[in-house]
Amino acid sequence: MALFGNRLPADIRTRLSGERVLSFAPAPSGGYAVATFVALHLPGGERVPWHTVDKASWDETGMNITTVTGGVYRVDIEEPGFLPETIRERVQNSIVANRYVKLTAEAGVRFIARRIAGTDTIEWELAFDDGLDGSDPGVLAAAEQALEQVRRSLGV
């Protein structure tokens, strides 16, 4: 056993284009899941920036990552090390604000402001309740007005 644990292979580090590695775990099928300061790199070569991760869940054989656009990734990992904690911290760190606003008596929209790691850029995500059509011009106009009020009240 190495004194300071396992090291990430040089070819994997090279593929990360200089991103600072925070934690990693080997996948039984080969490759590594690598958490960097700005993204989660999956064994298949996918790069998932932290501000796009909606949810990460773990079970006894690995993790499921769901993105804000509905993408789902499954990664088998037998020994996750610090990867679960790192993923949780990075996703939470990306969230600047999270507010819910009712647009009708029955439904509303959740506004989530996310920081893009390594930049000063904030992106707003709108998650409409079931029953609200986010592509409807009237609903969209009401949501944009509510978002402007939320942004002013939070100074974001």
Protein backbone atom coordinates (compact mmCIF):
# COMPACT_ATOMS: atom_id res chain seq x y z
CA MET A 1 0.00 0.00 0.00
CA ALA A 2 1.35 3.43 -0.93
CA LEU A 3 2.07 5.82 1.92
CA PHE A 4 -0.31 8.50 0.60
CA GLY A 5 -2.81 6.23 -1.20
CA ASN A 6 -3.16 5.46 -4.87
CA ARG A 7 -2.12 7.92 -7.56
CA LEU A 8 -4.14 8.88 -10.59
CA PRO A 9 -2.42 7.55 -13.74
CA ALA A 10 -0.55 10.14 -15.82
CA ASP A 11 -2.67 9.52 -18.95
CA ILE A 12 -5.84 10.34 -16.99
CA ARG A 13 -4.26 13.52 -15.54
CA THR A 14 -3.25 14.59 -19.06
CA ARG A 15 -6.85 14.25 -20.29
CA LEU A 16 -8.00 16.64 -17.54
CA SER A 17 -6.32 19.61 -19.29
CA GLY A 18 -4.76 20.99 -16.13
CA GLU A 19 -7.91 20.90 -13.99
CA ARG A 20 -7.05 20.53 -10.29
CA VAL A 21 -7.95 17.03 -9.04
CA LEU A 22 -9.86 16.91 -5.75
CA SER A 23 -10.66 13.18 -5.50
CA PHE A 24 -11.05 10.12 -7.68
CA ALA A 25 -12.11 6.48 -7.65
CA PRO A 26 -11.35 3.62 -10.03
CA ALA A 27 -14.19 1.99 -11.95
CA PRO A 28 -14.21 -1.83 -12.05
CA SER A 29 -14.61 -1.73 -15.83
CA GLY A 30 -11.51 0.44 -16.18
CA GLY A 31 -10.95 4.16 -16.06
CA TYR A 32 -11.65 6.54 -13.22
CA ALA A 33 -14.33 8.88 -11.95
CA VAL A 34 -12.44 12.10 -11.19
CA ALA A 35 -13.74 15.14 -9.33
CA THR A 36 -11.88 18.32 -10.23
CA PHE A 37 -12.44 21.88 -9.10
CA VAL A 38 -14.72 22.53 -12.12
CA ALA A 39 -16.27 19.21 -13.19
CA LEU A 40 -16.86 15.53 -12.67
CA HIS A 41 -15.03 13.42 -15.24
CA LEU A 42 -16.59 10.00 -15.80
CA PRO A 43 -14.76 6.81 -16.84
CA GLY A 44 -16.33 6.90 -20.31
CA GLY A 45 -14.77 10.32 -20.98
CA GLU A 46 -17.85 12.45 -20.25
CA ARG A 47 -17.23 15.75 -18.49
CA VAL A 48 -20.07 17.00 -16.29
CA PRO A 49 -19.56 20.58 -14.99
CA TRP A 50 -20.72 21.02 -11.39
CA HIS A 51 -23.30 23.69 -12.21
CA THR A 52 -25.11 21.15 -14.42
CA VAL A 53 -25.43 18.42 -11.76
CA ASP A 54 -28.95 18.27 -10.37
CA LYS A 55 -28.55 15.20 -8.20
CA ALA A 56 -26.04 12.50 -7.33
CA SER A 57 -27.07 9.36 -5.49
CA TRP A 58 -25.07 6.38 -4.31
CA ASP A 59 -25.86 2.72 -3.76
CA GLU A 60 -23.73 -0.30 -2.88
CA THR A 61 -22.22 -0.59 -6.37
CA GLY A 62 -21.81 2.98 -7.56
CA MET A 63 -23.41 6.31 -8.34
CA ASN A 64 -26.13 7.86 -10.47
CA ILE A 65 -25.68 11.43 -11.70
CA THR A 66 -28.66 13.40 -13.01
CA THR A 67 -28.11 16.71 -14.79
CA VAL A 68 -30.39 19.74 -14.85
CA THR A 69 -31.21 18.92 -18.49
CA GLY A 70 -32.36 15.41 -17.57
CA GLY A 71 -29.22 13.51 -18.56
CA VAL A 72 -28.51 10.46 -16.43
CA TYR A 73 -25.15 8.77 -15.94
CA ARG A 74 -24.48 5.51 -14.10
CA VAL A 75 -20.96 4.78 -12.87
CA ASP A 76 -20.05 1.55 -11.09
CA ILE A 77 -17.53 2.16 -8.33
CA GLU A 78 -16.57 -0.38 -5.69
CA GLU A 79 -14.36 1.80 -3.47
CA PRO A 80 -15.49 5.43 -3.72
CA GLY A 81 -13.00 6.90 -1.24
CA PHE A 82 -13.75 10.62 -0.80
CA LEU A 83 -15.61 10.93 -4.12
CA PRO A 84 -19.15 11.08 -2.60
CA GLU A 85 -18.17 13.85 -0.19
CA THR A 86 -16.38 15.79 -2.92
CA ILE A 87 -19.34 15.57 -5.28
CA ARG A 88 -21.72 16.76 -2.57
CA GLU A 89 -19.46 19.68 -1.66
CA ARG A 90 -18.89 20.77 -5.27
CA VAL A 91 -22.60 20.64 -6.18
CA GLN A 92 -23.58 22.54 -3.03
CA ASN A 93 -20.83 25.08 -3.70
CA SER A 94 -22.25 25.75 -7.16
CA ILE A 95 -25.64 26.81 -5.75
CA VAL A 96 -25.74 30.54 -4.98
CA ALA A 97 -29.49 30.87 -4.43
CA ASN A 98 -32.58 28.66 -4.47
CA ARG A 99 -36.02 30.30 -4.30
CA TYR A 100 -39.57 29.12 -5.00
CA VAL A 101 -42.23 31.52 -6.28
CA LYS A 102 -45.94 30.76 -6.83
CA LEU A 103 -47.14 31.90 -10.26
CA THR A 104 -50.72 30.67 -9.85
CA ALA A 105 -52.77 29.51 -6.88
CA GLU A 106 -51.76 25.92 -7.64
CA ALA A 107 -48.25 26.02 -9.09
CA GLY A 108 -45.00 27.91 -9.30
CA VAL A 109 -41.39 27.88 -10.34
CA ARG A 110 -38.13 27.23 -8.52
CA PHE A 111 -35.25 29.57 -9.38
CA ILE A 112 -31.78 28.17 -8.82
CA ALA A 113 -28.74 30.37 -9.32
CA ARG A 114 -25.58 28.38 -10.00
CA ARG A 115 -22.00 29.57 -10.13
CA ILE A 116 -19.87 28.21 -12.94
CA ALA A 117 -16.71 27.01 -11.18
CA GLY A 118 -13.62 29.03 -11.91
CA THR A 119 -15.60 32.05 -13.18
CA ASP A 120 -17.74 34.90 -11.87
CA THR A 121 -20.62 33.76 -14.09
CA ILE A 122 -23.99 32.89 -12.55
CA GLU A 123 -26.58 30.88 -14.51
CA TRP A 124 -30.23 30.73 -13.50
CA GLU A 125 -32.18 27.52 -13.81
CA LEU A 126 -35.98 27.56 -13.83
CA ALA A 127 -37.83 24.44 -12.70
CA PHE A 128 -41.57 24.70 -13.33
CA ASP A 129 -44.10 22.70 -11.30
CA ASP A 130 -46.14 20.08 -13.08
CA GLY A 131 -49.10 21.78 -14.69
CA LEU A 132 -47.11 24.84 -15.76
CA ASP A 133 -45.83 24.97 -19.32
CA GLY A 134 -42.50 26.79 -19.25
CA SER A 135 -42.72 27.34 -23.01
CA ASP A 136 -46.06 29.16 -22.77
CA PRO A 137 -45.37 32.88 -23.43
CA GLY A 138 -47.63 34.02 -20.58
CA VAL A 139 -46.09 31.63 -18.06
CA LEU A 140 -42.61 32.51 -19.25
CA ALA A 141 -43.29 36.25 -18.94
CA ALA A 142 -44.61 35.78 -15.38
CA ALA A 143 -41.56 33.66 -14.50
CA GLU A 144 -39.15 36.23 -15.95
CA GLN A 145 -40.82 39.00 -13.96
CA ALA A 146 -40.64 36.90 -10.79
CA LEU A 147 -36.99 36.08 -11.52
CA GLU A 148 -36.16 39.77 -11.82
CA GLN A 149 -37.74 40.39 -8.40
CA VAL A 150 -35.80 37.47 -6.90
CA ARG A 151 -32.54 38.73 -8.42
CA ARG A 152 -33.13 42.24 -7.04
CA SER A 153 -34.03 40.97 -3.58
CA LEU A 154 -30.93 38.74 -3.41
CA GLY A 155 -28.56 41.12 -5.18
CA VAL A 156 -27.58 38.38 -7.61
